[in-house]
């Protein structure tokens, strides 16, 4: 008994949901949406052409309404000897066409109107199938499918049940045998049409969800890449800044002992400098030390000084060993730059060469360094891809600070208020050009 009671409750609740969906929102204004014109083929059309394509569903419904009116009138004209008149044909056609026009604005109201109009044409049943005319059956099926595609599943099931029961009741009232009506034809055709429509809607919705999730994944991956690159930069800057702060603290503590007869005010100033440097160093280690430790644990990187342009030749030698012909060109008077600038330049060159190894193995590559009074220019340019080029050895894992491509380069350049441009060259190669200001940094360091 408990199972039977639960089954009855489920059926009753389902019927209530169906009725609520069909009744509460029966007069809701839900205009038929326009067709999307995002396809590449449609983007080539002029503005008026895209607007016309977007209105195709509306035009199709209006055209179908006109065809149904003409078909009913034509049927009456051809069967005039059986008592039909042109006026009756137009009326029957309008009974099928009006719900289609209402479907453009109020879909559920159009379905109810289509269902009610089967009784309006009942006096002409001697000439048409019962209870739907040919045009009425076509109109009702189209309305049901369009409403089902735009409504929940319960609404589609409810429409099918209500329409089938209503037609069966009308058949009983008319004392017609069931096999002499088109109720079985309607029930079968509408069930198949609704099933296909719901399957198509389900597949379309699933595809849209997949596309939306892919877009979210791409955005999240991009954000994570930026955060990881900033974490790497923060770790490297921690090493650089911590070194300089330690030097300041040591020099401030040792300065009074290097001079004779140092005024007490100067000793106090040196002590204050040392205290501030130690405090700043402790705060720096507290904030950035966590990043540094977690990043080293994550990548299992050894404790080592951050690279500068002094070790660039070693990087180029490793790249040549991997099968990439690369040359170095230096213009201007080479000088020592702030450690942050040299570190960023080294990482940009490292990432640029890694990209060449991945995307253009064997291509002629050149690394250019231009020393100017206000900073450092860096350019990594490679020629077109060499056909069937295979590196002599497999490239090893990317070094610290590499692996995020252009995103990492932009982060490093932005940190120094520099400029970065990338793009294809005229001969089919690719170039990365960066300018890293050094004058302002040098003044601050000094």
Protein backbone atom coordinates (compact mmCIF):
# COMPACT_ATOMS: atom_id res chain seq x y z
CA UNK A 1 0.00 0.00 0.00
CA UNK A 2 2.85 2.38 0.76
CA UNK A 3 4.31 1.88 -2.74
CA UNK A 4 0.90 2.49 -4.33
CA UNK A 5 0.42 5.64 -2.22
CA UNK A 6 3.84 6.98 -3.21
CA UNK A 7 3.15 6.28 -6.87
CA UNK A 8 -0.18 8.11 -6.69
CA UNK A 9 1.50 11.08 -5.00
CA UNK A 10 4.20 11.22 -7.68
CA UNK A 11 1.61 11.14 -10.46
CA UNK A 12 -0.52 13.76 -8.74
CA UNK A 13 2.42 16.08 -8.20
CA UNK A 14 3.45 15.61 -11.82
CA UNK A 15 -0.03 16.54 -12.99
CA UNK A 16 0.02 19.62 -10.77
CA UNK A 17 3.37 20.70 -12.22
CA UNK A 18 2.08 20.19 -15.77
CA UNK A 19 -1.05 22.18 -15.09
CA UNK A 20 0.87 24.95 -13.39
CA UNK A 21 3.24 25.21 -16.35
CA UNK A 22 0.39 25.28 -18.86
CA UNK A 23 -2.01 27.50 -16.91
CA UNK A 24 -0.05 30.03 -14.85
CA UNK A 25 2.09 31.23 -17.74
CA UNK A 26 -0.52 30.77 -20.45
CA UNK A 27 -0.65 34.48 -21.31
CA UNK A 28 3.03 35.23 -20.73
CA UNK A 29 4.68 37.44 -23.34
CA UNK A 30 7.58 35.43 -24.78
CA UNK A 31 8.44 36.76 -28.25
CA UNK A 32 10.05 34.29 -30.61
CA UNK A 33 13.83 34.96 -30.46
CA UNK A 34 15.75 35.96 -33.53
CA UNK A 35 18.11 33.57 -35.27
CA UNK A 36 21.77 33.93 -34.30
CA UNK A 37 24.02 35.42 -36.97
CA UNK A 38 27.38 34.68 -35.31
CA UNK A 39 28.43 32.18 -37.98
CA UNK A 40 31.41 33.25 -40.11
CA UNK A 41 29.47 32.83 -43.33
CA UNK A 42 26.72 35.15 -42.11
CA UNK A 43 29.24 37.73 -40.89
CA UNK A 44 30.18 38.37 -44.50
CA UNK A 45 26.65 39.57 -45.30
CA UNK A 46 25.77 43.27 -45.11
CA UNK A 47 23.79 44.57 -42.15
CA UNK A 48 20.40 44.29 -43.83
CA UNK A 49 21.23 40.75 -44.93
CA UNK A 50 22.05 39.63 -41.37
CA UNK A 51 18.86 41.25 -40.09
CA UNK A 52 16.85 39.40 -42.73
CA UNK A 53 18.47 36.08 -41.78
CA UNK A 54 17.77 36.69 -38.09
CA UNK A 55 14.07 37.09 -38.91
CA UNK A 56 13.77 33.87 -40.92
CA UNK A 57 11.85 31.95 -38.18
CA UNK A 58 9.25 34.73 -38.00
CA UNK A 59 8.97 34.92 -41.77
CA UNK A 60 8.59 31.13 -41.97
CA UNK A 61 5.66 31.13 -39.53
CA UNK A 62 3.93 33.96 -41.38
CA UNK A 63 4.46 32.15 -44.68
CA UNK A 64 3.10 28.90 -43.23
CA UNK A 65 0.01 30.74 -42.00
CA UNK A 66 -0.58 32.08 -45.51
CA UNK A 67 -0.10 28.62 -47.04
CA UNK A 68 -2.65 27.10 -44.63
CA UNK A 69 -5.25 29.74 -45.49
CA UNK A 70 -4.65 29.20 -49.19
CA UNK A 71 -4.79 25.40 -48.79
CA UNK A 72 -8.13 25.49 -46.97
CA UNK A 73 -9.59 27.86 -49.56
CA UNK A 74 -8.27 25.66 -52.36
CA UNK A 75 -9.80 22.54 -50.76
CA UNK A 76 -13.21 24.21 -50.50
CA UNK A 77 -13.03 25.43 -54.08
CA UNK A 78 -12.18 21.94 -55.36
CA UNK A 79 -15.01 20.32 -53.34
CA UNK A 80 -17.77 22.84 -54.06
CA UNK A 81 -20.08 20.08 -55.23
CA UNK A 82 -20.08 18.60 -51.72
CA UNK A 83 -21.50 21.79 -50.24
CA UNK A 84 -18.32 23.68 -49.38
CA UNK A 85 -17.94 27.41 -50.01
CA UNK A 86 -14.95 29.69 -50.39
CA UNK A 87 -15.94 31.54 -47.19
CA UNK A 88 -15.92 28.32 -45.18
CA UNK A 89 -12.48 27.48 -46.54
CA UNK A 90 -11.12 30.85 -45.52
CA UNK A 91 -12.61 30.44 -42.02
CA UNK A 92 -11.07 27.00 -41.57
CA UNK A 93 -7.73 28.36 -42.83
CA UNK A 94 -7.86 31.29 -40.40
CA UNK A 95 -8.57 28.88 -37.54
CA UNK A 96 -5.25 27.22 -38.36
CA UNK A 97 -3.31 30.41 -39.16
CA UNK A 98 -4.24 32.67 -36.23
CA UNK A 99 -2.54 30.47 -33.58
CA UNK A 100 0.63 30.52 -35.71
CA UNK A 101 0.65 34.31 -35.74
CA UNK A 102 -0.02 34.42 -31.98
CA UNK A 103 2.91 32.02 -31.53
CA UNK A 104 5.25 34.90 -32.45
CA UNK A 105 4.42 36.62 -29.14
CA UNK A 106 2.55 34.34 -26.69
CA UNK A 107 3.42 30.66 -27.31
CA UNK A 108 1.26 28.96 -24.68
CA UNK A 109 -1.72 31.17 -25.50
CA UNK A 110 -1.27 30.15 -29.14
CA UNK A 111 -1.35 26.46 -28.14
CA UNK A 112 -4.54 26.88 -26.10
CA UNK A 113 -6.16 28.81 -28.96
CA UNK A 114 -5.21 26.09 -31.44
CA UNK A 115 -6.71 23.45 -29.16
CA UNK A 116 -9.94 25.42 -28.68
CA UNK A 117 -10.42 26.09 -32.40
CA UNK A 118 -10.89 22.37 -33.15
CA UNK A 119 -14.41 22.85 -31.77
CA UNK A 120 -14.94 26.02 -33.77
CA UNK A 121 -14.58 24.08 -37.03
CA UNK A 122 -16.71 21.16 -35.77
CA UNK A 123 -19.77 22.26 -37.83
CA UNK A 124 -17.72 21.62 -40.97
CA UNK A 125 -16.64 18.14 -39.90
CA UNK A 126 -18.64 16.52 -42.71
CA UNK A 127 -16.02 17.86 -45.13
CA UNK A 128 -12.84 17.49 -43.02
CA UNK A 129 -11.26 14.74 -40.87
CA UNK A 130 -12.30 14.69 -37.20
CA UNK A 131 -11.45 16.43 -34.92
CA UNK A 132 -8.59 18.22 -36.68
CA UNK A 133 -8.61 19.45 -40.21
CA UNK A 134 -5.49 18.86 -42.30
CA UNK A 135 -4.44 22.47 -41.86
CA UNK A 136 -5.40 22.51 -38.18
CA UNK A 137 -3.39 19.35 -37.46
CA UNK A 138 -0.33 20.84 -39.21
CA UNK A 139 -0.65 24.11 -37.31
CA UNK A 140 -1.11 22.39 -33.94
CA UNK A 141 1.90 20.12 -34.40
CA UNK A 142 4.14 23.06 -35.35
CA UNK A 143 2.97 25.03 -32.31
CA UNK A 144 3.54 22.10 -29.96
CA UNK A 145 7.07 21.52 -31.22
CA UNK A 146 8.10 25.19 -30.96
CA UNK A 147 6.59 25.56 -27.47
CA UNK A 148 8.25 22.31 -26.32
CA UNK A 149 11.68 23.49 -27.51
CA UNK A 150 11.34 26.68 -25.46
CA UNK A 151 9.71 25.16 -22.34
CA UNK A 152 10.49 22.58 -19.62
CA UNK A 153 9.90 18.89 -20.20
CA UNK A 154 6.76 18.90 -18.02
CA UNK A 155 5.17 21.46 -20.35
CA UNK A 156 5.75 19.25 -23.41
CA UNK A 157 4.29 16.17 -21.67
CA UNK A 158 1.37 18.21 -20.41
CA UNK A 159 0.57 19.56 -23.88
CA UNK A 160 0.57 16.07 -25.35
CA UNK A 161 -1.68 14.65 -22.62
CA UNK A 162 -4.16 17.53 -22.66
CA UNK A 163 -4.41 17.57 -26.46
CA UNK A 164 -4.83 13.78 -26.72
CA UNK A 165 -7.44 13.64 -23.94
CA UNK A 166 -9.33 16.62 -25.37
CA UNK A 167 -9.44 15.05 -28.82
CA UNK A 168 -10.56 11.70 -27.35
CA UNK A 169 -13.35 13.40 -25.38
CA UNK A 170 -14.48 15.26 -28.48
CA UNK A 171 -14.56 11.95 -30.34
CA UNK A 172 -16.73 10.35 -27.65
CA UNK A 173 -19.17 13.27 -27.70
CA UNK A 174 -19.53 13.02 -31.46
CA UNK A 175 -20.31 9.29 -31.26
CA UNK A 176 -17.65 8.58 -33.88
CA UNK A 177 -15.57 5.39 -33.80
CA UNK A 178 -11.94 6.00 -32.92
CA UNK A 179 -10.67 4.47 -36.14
CA UNK A 180 -12.73 7.00 -38.09
CA UNK A 181 -10.83 9.94 -36.55
CA UNK A 182 -7.30 11.26 -36.75
CA UNK A 183 -6.74 11.08 -32.97
CA UNK A 184 -4.38 8.06 -33.23
CA UNK A 185 -2.52 9.81 -36.06
CA UNK A 186 -2.16 12.95 -33.97
CA UNK A 187 -1.06 11.05 -30.85
CA UNK A 188 1.64 9.15 -32.75
CA UNK A 189 2.94 12.04 -34.85
CA UNK A 190 2.96 14.50 -31.94
CA UNK A 191 4.77 12.00 -29.66
CA UNK A 192 7.50 11.43 -32.26
CA UNK A 193 7.81 15.16 -33.06
CA UNK A 194 8.03 16.15 -29.40
CA UNK A 195 10.59 13.43 -28.66
CA UNK A 196 12.83 14.54 -31.54
CA UNK A 197 12.45 18.21 -30.55
CA UNK A 198 13.36 17.50 -26.92
CA UNK A 199 16.37 15.41 -27.96
CA UNK A 200 17.62 18.20 -30.22
CA UNK A 201 17.10 20.74 -27.44
CA UNK A 202 18.99 18.53 -24.99
CA UNK A 203 21.92 18.11 -27.35
CA UNK A 204 22.00 21.84 -28.08
CA UNK A 205 21.89 22.72 -24.38
CA UNK A 206 24.65 20.22 -23.61
CA UNK A 207 26.81 21.65 -26.39
CA UNK A 208 26.29 25.19 -25.11
CA UNK A 209 27.22 24.12 -21.59
CA UNK A 210 30.39 22.48 -22.87
CA UNK A 211 31.33 25.63 -24.82
CA UNK A 212 30.59 27.81 -21.79
CA UNK A 213 32.69 25.57 -19.53
CA UNK A 214 35.54 25.60 -22.05
CA UNK A 215 35.46 29.40 -22.13
CA UNK A 216 35.49 29.54 -18.32
CA UNK A 217 38.35 27.04 -18.26
CA UNK A 218 40.38 29.14 -20.70
CA UNK A 219 39.79 32.27 -18.62
CA UNK A 220 40.70 30.50 -15.37
CA UNK A 221 43.78 28.96 -16.96
CA UNK A 222 44.88 32.39 -18.16
CA UNK A 223 44.37 33.86 -14.69
CA UNK A 224 46.28 30.99 -13.12
CA UNK A 225 49.13 31.47 -15.60
CA UNK A 226 49.40 35.14 -14.68
CA UNK A 227 49.34 34.33 -10.96
CA UNK A 228 51.97 31.62 -11.32
CA UNK A 229 54.23 33.94 -13.30
CA UNK A 230 53.80 36.71 -10.74
CA UNK A 231 54.61 34.20 -8.01
CA UNK A 232 57.82 33.29 -9.81
CA UNK A 233 58.73 36.95 -10.24
CA UNK A 234 58.00 37.62 -6.57
CA UNK A 235 60.25 34.74 -5.57
CA UNK A 236 63.09 36.03 -7.71
CA UNK A 237 62.67 39.61 -6.52
CA UNK A 238 62.69 38.33 -2.97
CA UNK A 239 66.21 37.02 -3.53
CA UNK A 240 67.36 40.23 -5.21
CA UNK A 241 65.83 42.69 -2.72
CA UNK A 242 66.78 40.60 0.31
CA UNK A 243 70.42 40.65 -0.80
CA UNK A 244 70.48 44.43 -1.18
CA UNK A 245 68.69 45.02 2.13
CA UNK A 246 71.21 42.77 3.88
CA UNK A 247 74.08 44.77 2.35
CA UNK A 248 72.50 48.04 3.55
CA UNK A 249 72.10 46.70 7.07
CA UNK A 250 75.72 45.44 7.23
CA UNK A 251 77.17 48.64 5.77
CA UNK A 252 75.15 50.81 8.16
CA UNK A 253 76.37 48.78 11.16
CA UNK A 254 80.02 48.83 10.07
CA UNK A 255 80.19 52.48 8.95
CA UNK A 256 80.78 54.04 12.42
CA UNK A 257 83.77 51.77 13.01
CA UNK A 258 85.50 52.86 9.79
CA UNK A 259 85.83 56.48 10.81
CA UNK A 260 87.36 58.28 13.75
CA UNK A 261 85.60 60.80 15.93
CA UNK A 262 82.17 60.04 14.49
CA UNK A 263 79.53 62.48 15.80
CA UNK A 264 76.86 60.87 18.00
CA UNK A 265 74.15 62.13 15.63
CA UNK A 266 75.74 60.26 12.73
CA UNK A 267 76.09 57.08 14.81
CA UNK A 268 72.41 57.38 15.71
CA UNK A 269 71.51 57.87 12.02
CA UNK A 270 73.48 54.77 11.03
CA UNK A 271 71.76 52.82 13.79
CA UNK A 272 68.37 53.99 12.56
CA UNK A 273 69.25 52.99 9.01
CA UNK A 274 70.30 49.56 10.18
CA UNK A 275 67.16 49.08 12.29
CA UNK A 276 64.92 50.08 9.37
CA UNK A 277 66.82 47.83 6.98
CA UNK A 278 66.58 44.86 9.36
CA UNK A 279 62.87 45.54 9.93
CA UNK A 280 62.22 45.82 6.20
CA UNK A 281 64.20 42.64 5.58
CA UNK A 282 62.21 40.76 8.22
CA UNK A 283 58.91 41.99 6.76
CA UNK A 284 60.05 41.08 3.26
CA UNK A 285 60.99 37.59 4.36
CA UNK A 286 57.68 37.20 6.17
CA UNK A 287 55.58 38.22 3.16
CA UNK A 288 57.59 36.79 0.27
CA UNK A 289 59.38 33.99 2.05
CA UNK A 290 56.21 31.88 2.02
CA UNK A 291 55.98 32.28 -1.75
CA UNK A 292 59.65 31.42 -2.17
CA UNK A 293 59.49 28.32 0.05
CA UNK A 294 56.28 26.97 -1.48
CA UNK A 295 57.56 27.62 -4.99
CA UNK A 296 60.84 25.82 -4.29
CA UNK A 297 58.96 22.89 -2.79
CA UNK A 298 56.66 22.83 -5.79
CA UNK A 299 59.40 22.85 -8.41
CA UNK A 300 62.10 21.26 -6.26
CA UNK A 301 64.44 24.07 -7.26
CA UNK A 302 67.83 24.29 -5.59
CA UNK A 303 69.08 27.23 -3.63
CA UNK A 304 71.10 29.24 -6.18
CA UNK A 305 71.73 32.88 -7.10
CA UNK A 306 69.37 34.33 -9.66
CA UNK A 307 70.90 34.40 -13.16
CA UNK A 308 72.09 37.53 -14.93
CA UNK A 309 73.33 38.30 -18.42
CA UNK A 310 76.81 37.14 -17.35
CA UNK A 311 75.64 33.53 -17.76
CA UNK A 312 73.86 34.17 -21.08
CA UNK A 313 76.60 32.37 -23.03
CA UNK A 314 75.89 29.19 -21.07
CA UNK A 315 72.20 29.40 -21.95
CA UNK A 316 73.02 29.87 -25.64
CA UNK A 317 75.41 26.91 -25.53
CA UNK A 318 72.67 24.67 -24.13
CA UNK A 319 70.27 25.82 -26.84
CA UNK A 320 72.83 25.13 -29.57
CA UNK A 321 73.34 21.68 -28.12
CA UNK A 322 69.58 21.11 -28.45
CA UNK A 323 69.91 21.70 -32.21
CA UNK A 324 69.00 25.38 -32.54
CA UNK A 325 71.51 27.57 -34.40
CA UNK A 326 71.63 30.83 -32.46
CA UNK A 327 73.97 33.80 -32.50
CA UNK A 328 74.39 36.70 -30.09
CA UNK A 329 74.73 40.33 -31.21
CA UNK A 330 75.57 43.12 -28.75
CA UNK A 331 75.44 46.81 -29.61
CA UNK A 332 76.44 49.69 -27.39
CA UNK A 333 78.86 49.77 -24.47
CA UNK A 334 78.18 46.81 -22.27
CA UNK A 335 77.78 47.77 -18.62
CA UNK A 336 76.42 46.32 -15.42
CA UNK A 337 72.69 46.91 -15.02
CA UNK A 338 70.46 46.63 -11.94
CA UNK A 339 70.01 43.03 -10.99
CA UNK A 340 66.23 43.12 -11.59
CA UNK A 341 66.76 44.33 -15.15
CA UNK A 342 69.38 41.70 -15.93
CA UNK A 343 67.25 38.96 -14.39
CA UNK A 344 64.20 39.99 -16.43
CA UNK A 345 66.26 40.22 -19.62
CA UNK A 346 67.71 36.75 -19.01
CA UNK A 347 64.25 35.25 -18.39
CA UNK A 348 62.79 36.90 -21.51
CA UNK A 349 65.64 35.49 -23.63
CA UNK A 350 65.24 32.09 -21.99
CA UNK A 351 61.50 32.00 -22.69
CA UNK A 352 61.94 33.30 -26.24
CA UNK A 353 64.46 30.58 -27.07
CA UNK A 354 62.23 27.94 -25.47
CA UNK A 355 59.38 29.05 -27.74
CA UNK A 356 61.64 28.79 -30.80
CA UNK A 357 62.64 25.26 -29.79
CA UNK A 358 59.00 24.28 -29.41
CA UNK A 359 57.46 26.01 -32.42
CA UNK A 360 60.31 26.48 -34.93
CA UNK A 361 63.02 23.85 -34.31
CA UNK A 362 66.06 24.32 -36.50
CA UNK A 363 65.23 27.91 -37.48
CA UNK A 364 68.06 30.44 -37.65
CA UNK A 365 67.82 32.48 -34.44
CA UNK A 366 69.51 35.66 -33.27
CA UNK A 367 69.59 37.24 -29.82
CA UNK A 368 70.28 40.98 -29.86
CA UNK A 369 71.18 43.12 -26.86
CA UNK A 370 71.26 46.90 -27.28
CA UNK A 371 72.77 48.88 -24.40
CA UNK A 372 71.56 52.49 -24.40
CA UNK A 373 71.80 55.24 -21.82
CA UNK A 374 68.23 54.79 -20.59
CA UNK A 375 67.99 51.04 -20.53
CA UNK A 376 68.40 47.76 -22.36
CA UNK A 377 66.83 46.57 -25.60
CA UNK A 378 66.31 42.85 -26.10
CA UNK A 379 65.31 41.19 -29.37
CA UNK A 380 64.88 37.49 -30.08
CA UNK A 381 64.14 36.81 -33.75
CA UNK A 382 63.98 33.53 -35.65
CA UNK A 383 63.61 32.71 -39.30
CA UNK A 384 60.90 30.55 -40.88
CA UNK A 385 60.38 26.99 -39.75
CA UNK A 386 62.81 24.54 -41.32
CA UNK A 387 61.00 21.63 -42.94
CA UNK A 388 61.61 18.24 -41.26
CA UNK A 389 63.86 19.87 -38.66
CA UNK A 390 64.25 17.74 -35.55
CA UNK A 391 66.33 18.85 -32.56
CA UNK A 392 69.40 16.72 -31.99
CA UNK A 393 68.31 16.20 -28.41
CA UNK A 394 65.02 16.50 -26.67
CA UNK A 395 64.66 19.89 -24.98
CA UNK A 396 64.93 19.56 -21.23
CA UNK A 397 62.38 20.85 -18.77
CA UNK A 398 61.95 24.64 -18.71
CA UNK A 399 64.05 26.46 -16.21
CA UNK A 400 62.62 28.52 -13.38
CA UNK A 401 60.72 31.49 -14.67
CA UNK A 402 59.96 29.96 -18.07
CA UNK A 403 56.98 28.06 -19.35
CA UNK A 404 54.32 30.77 -19.56
CA UNK A 405 55.26 32.26 -22.93
CA UNK A 406 54.24 35.77 -23.84
CA UNK A 407 52.24 36.17 -20.62
CA UNK A 408 55.35 35.86 -18.45
CA UNK A 409 57.30 38.24 -20.67
CA UNK A 410 54.60 40.88 -20.43
CA UNK A 411 54.48 40.55 -16.65
CA UNK A 412 58.22 41.06 -16.35
CA UNK A 413 58.28 44.02 -18.72
CA UNK A 414 55.28 45.62 -17.00
CA UNK A 415 57.04 45.27 -13.65
CA UNK A 416 59.84 47.51 -14.96
CA UNK A 417 57.50 49.92 -16.84
CA UNK A 418 59.01 48.73 -20.11
CA UNK A 419 57.58 47.86 -23.51
CA UNK A 420 57.07 44.54 -25.28
CA UNK A 421 56.05 43.82 -28.87
CA UNK A 422 55.70 40.45 -30.54
CA UNK A 423 54.68 39.35 -33.99
CA UNK A 424 55.55 37.65 -37.24
CA UNK A 425 58.35 38.92 -39.44
CA UNK A 426 58.23 39.55 -43.17
CA UNK A 427 60.13 36.34 -44.00
CA UNK A 428 57.73 34.12 -42.07
CA UNK A 429 59.64 34.04 -38.80
CA UNK A 430 58.80 35.53 -35.42
CA UNK A 431 60.32 38.17 -33.16
CA UNK A 432 60.06 39.32 -29.57
CA UNK A 433 61.24 42.86 -28.86
CA UNK A 434 61.45 44.24 -25.32
CA UNK A 435 62.80 47.44 -23.85
CA UNK A 436 63.67 47.50 -20.16
CA UNK A 437 64.28 50.95 -18.65
CA UNK A 438 67.30 51.01 -16.39
CA UNK A 439 68.03 54.69 -15.66
CA UNK A 440 65.23 55.16 -13.14
CA UNK A 441 66.04 51.89 -11.41
CA UNK A 442 69.71 52.76 -11.30
CA UNK A 443 68.98 56.16 -9.73
CA UNK A 444 66.76 54.56 -7.09
CA UNK A 445 69.45 51.96 -6.37
CA UNK A 446 72.11 54.61 -6.14
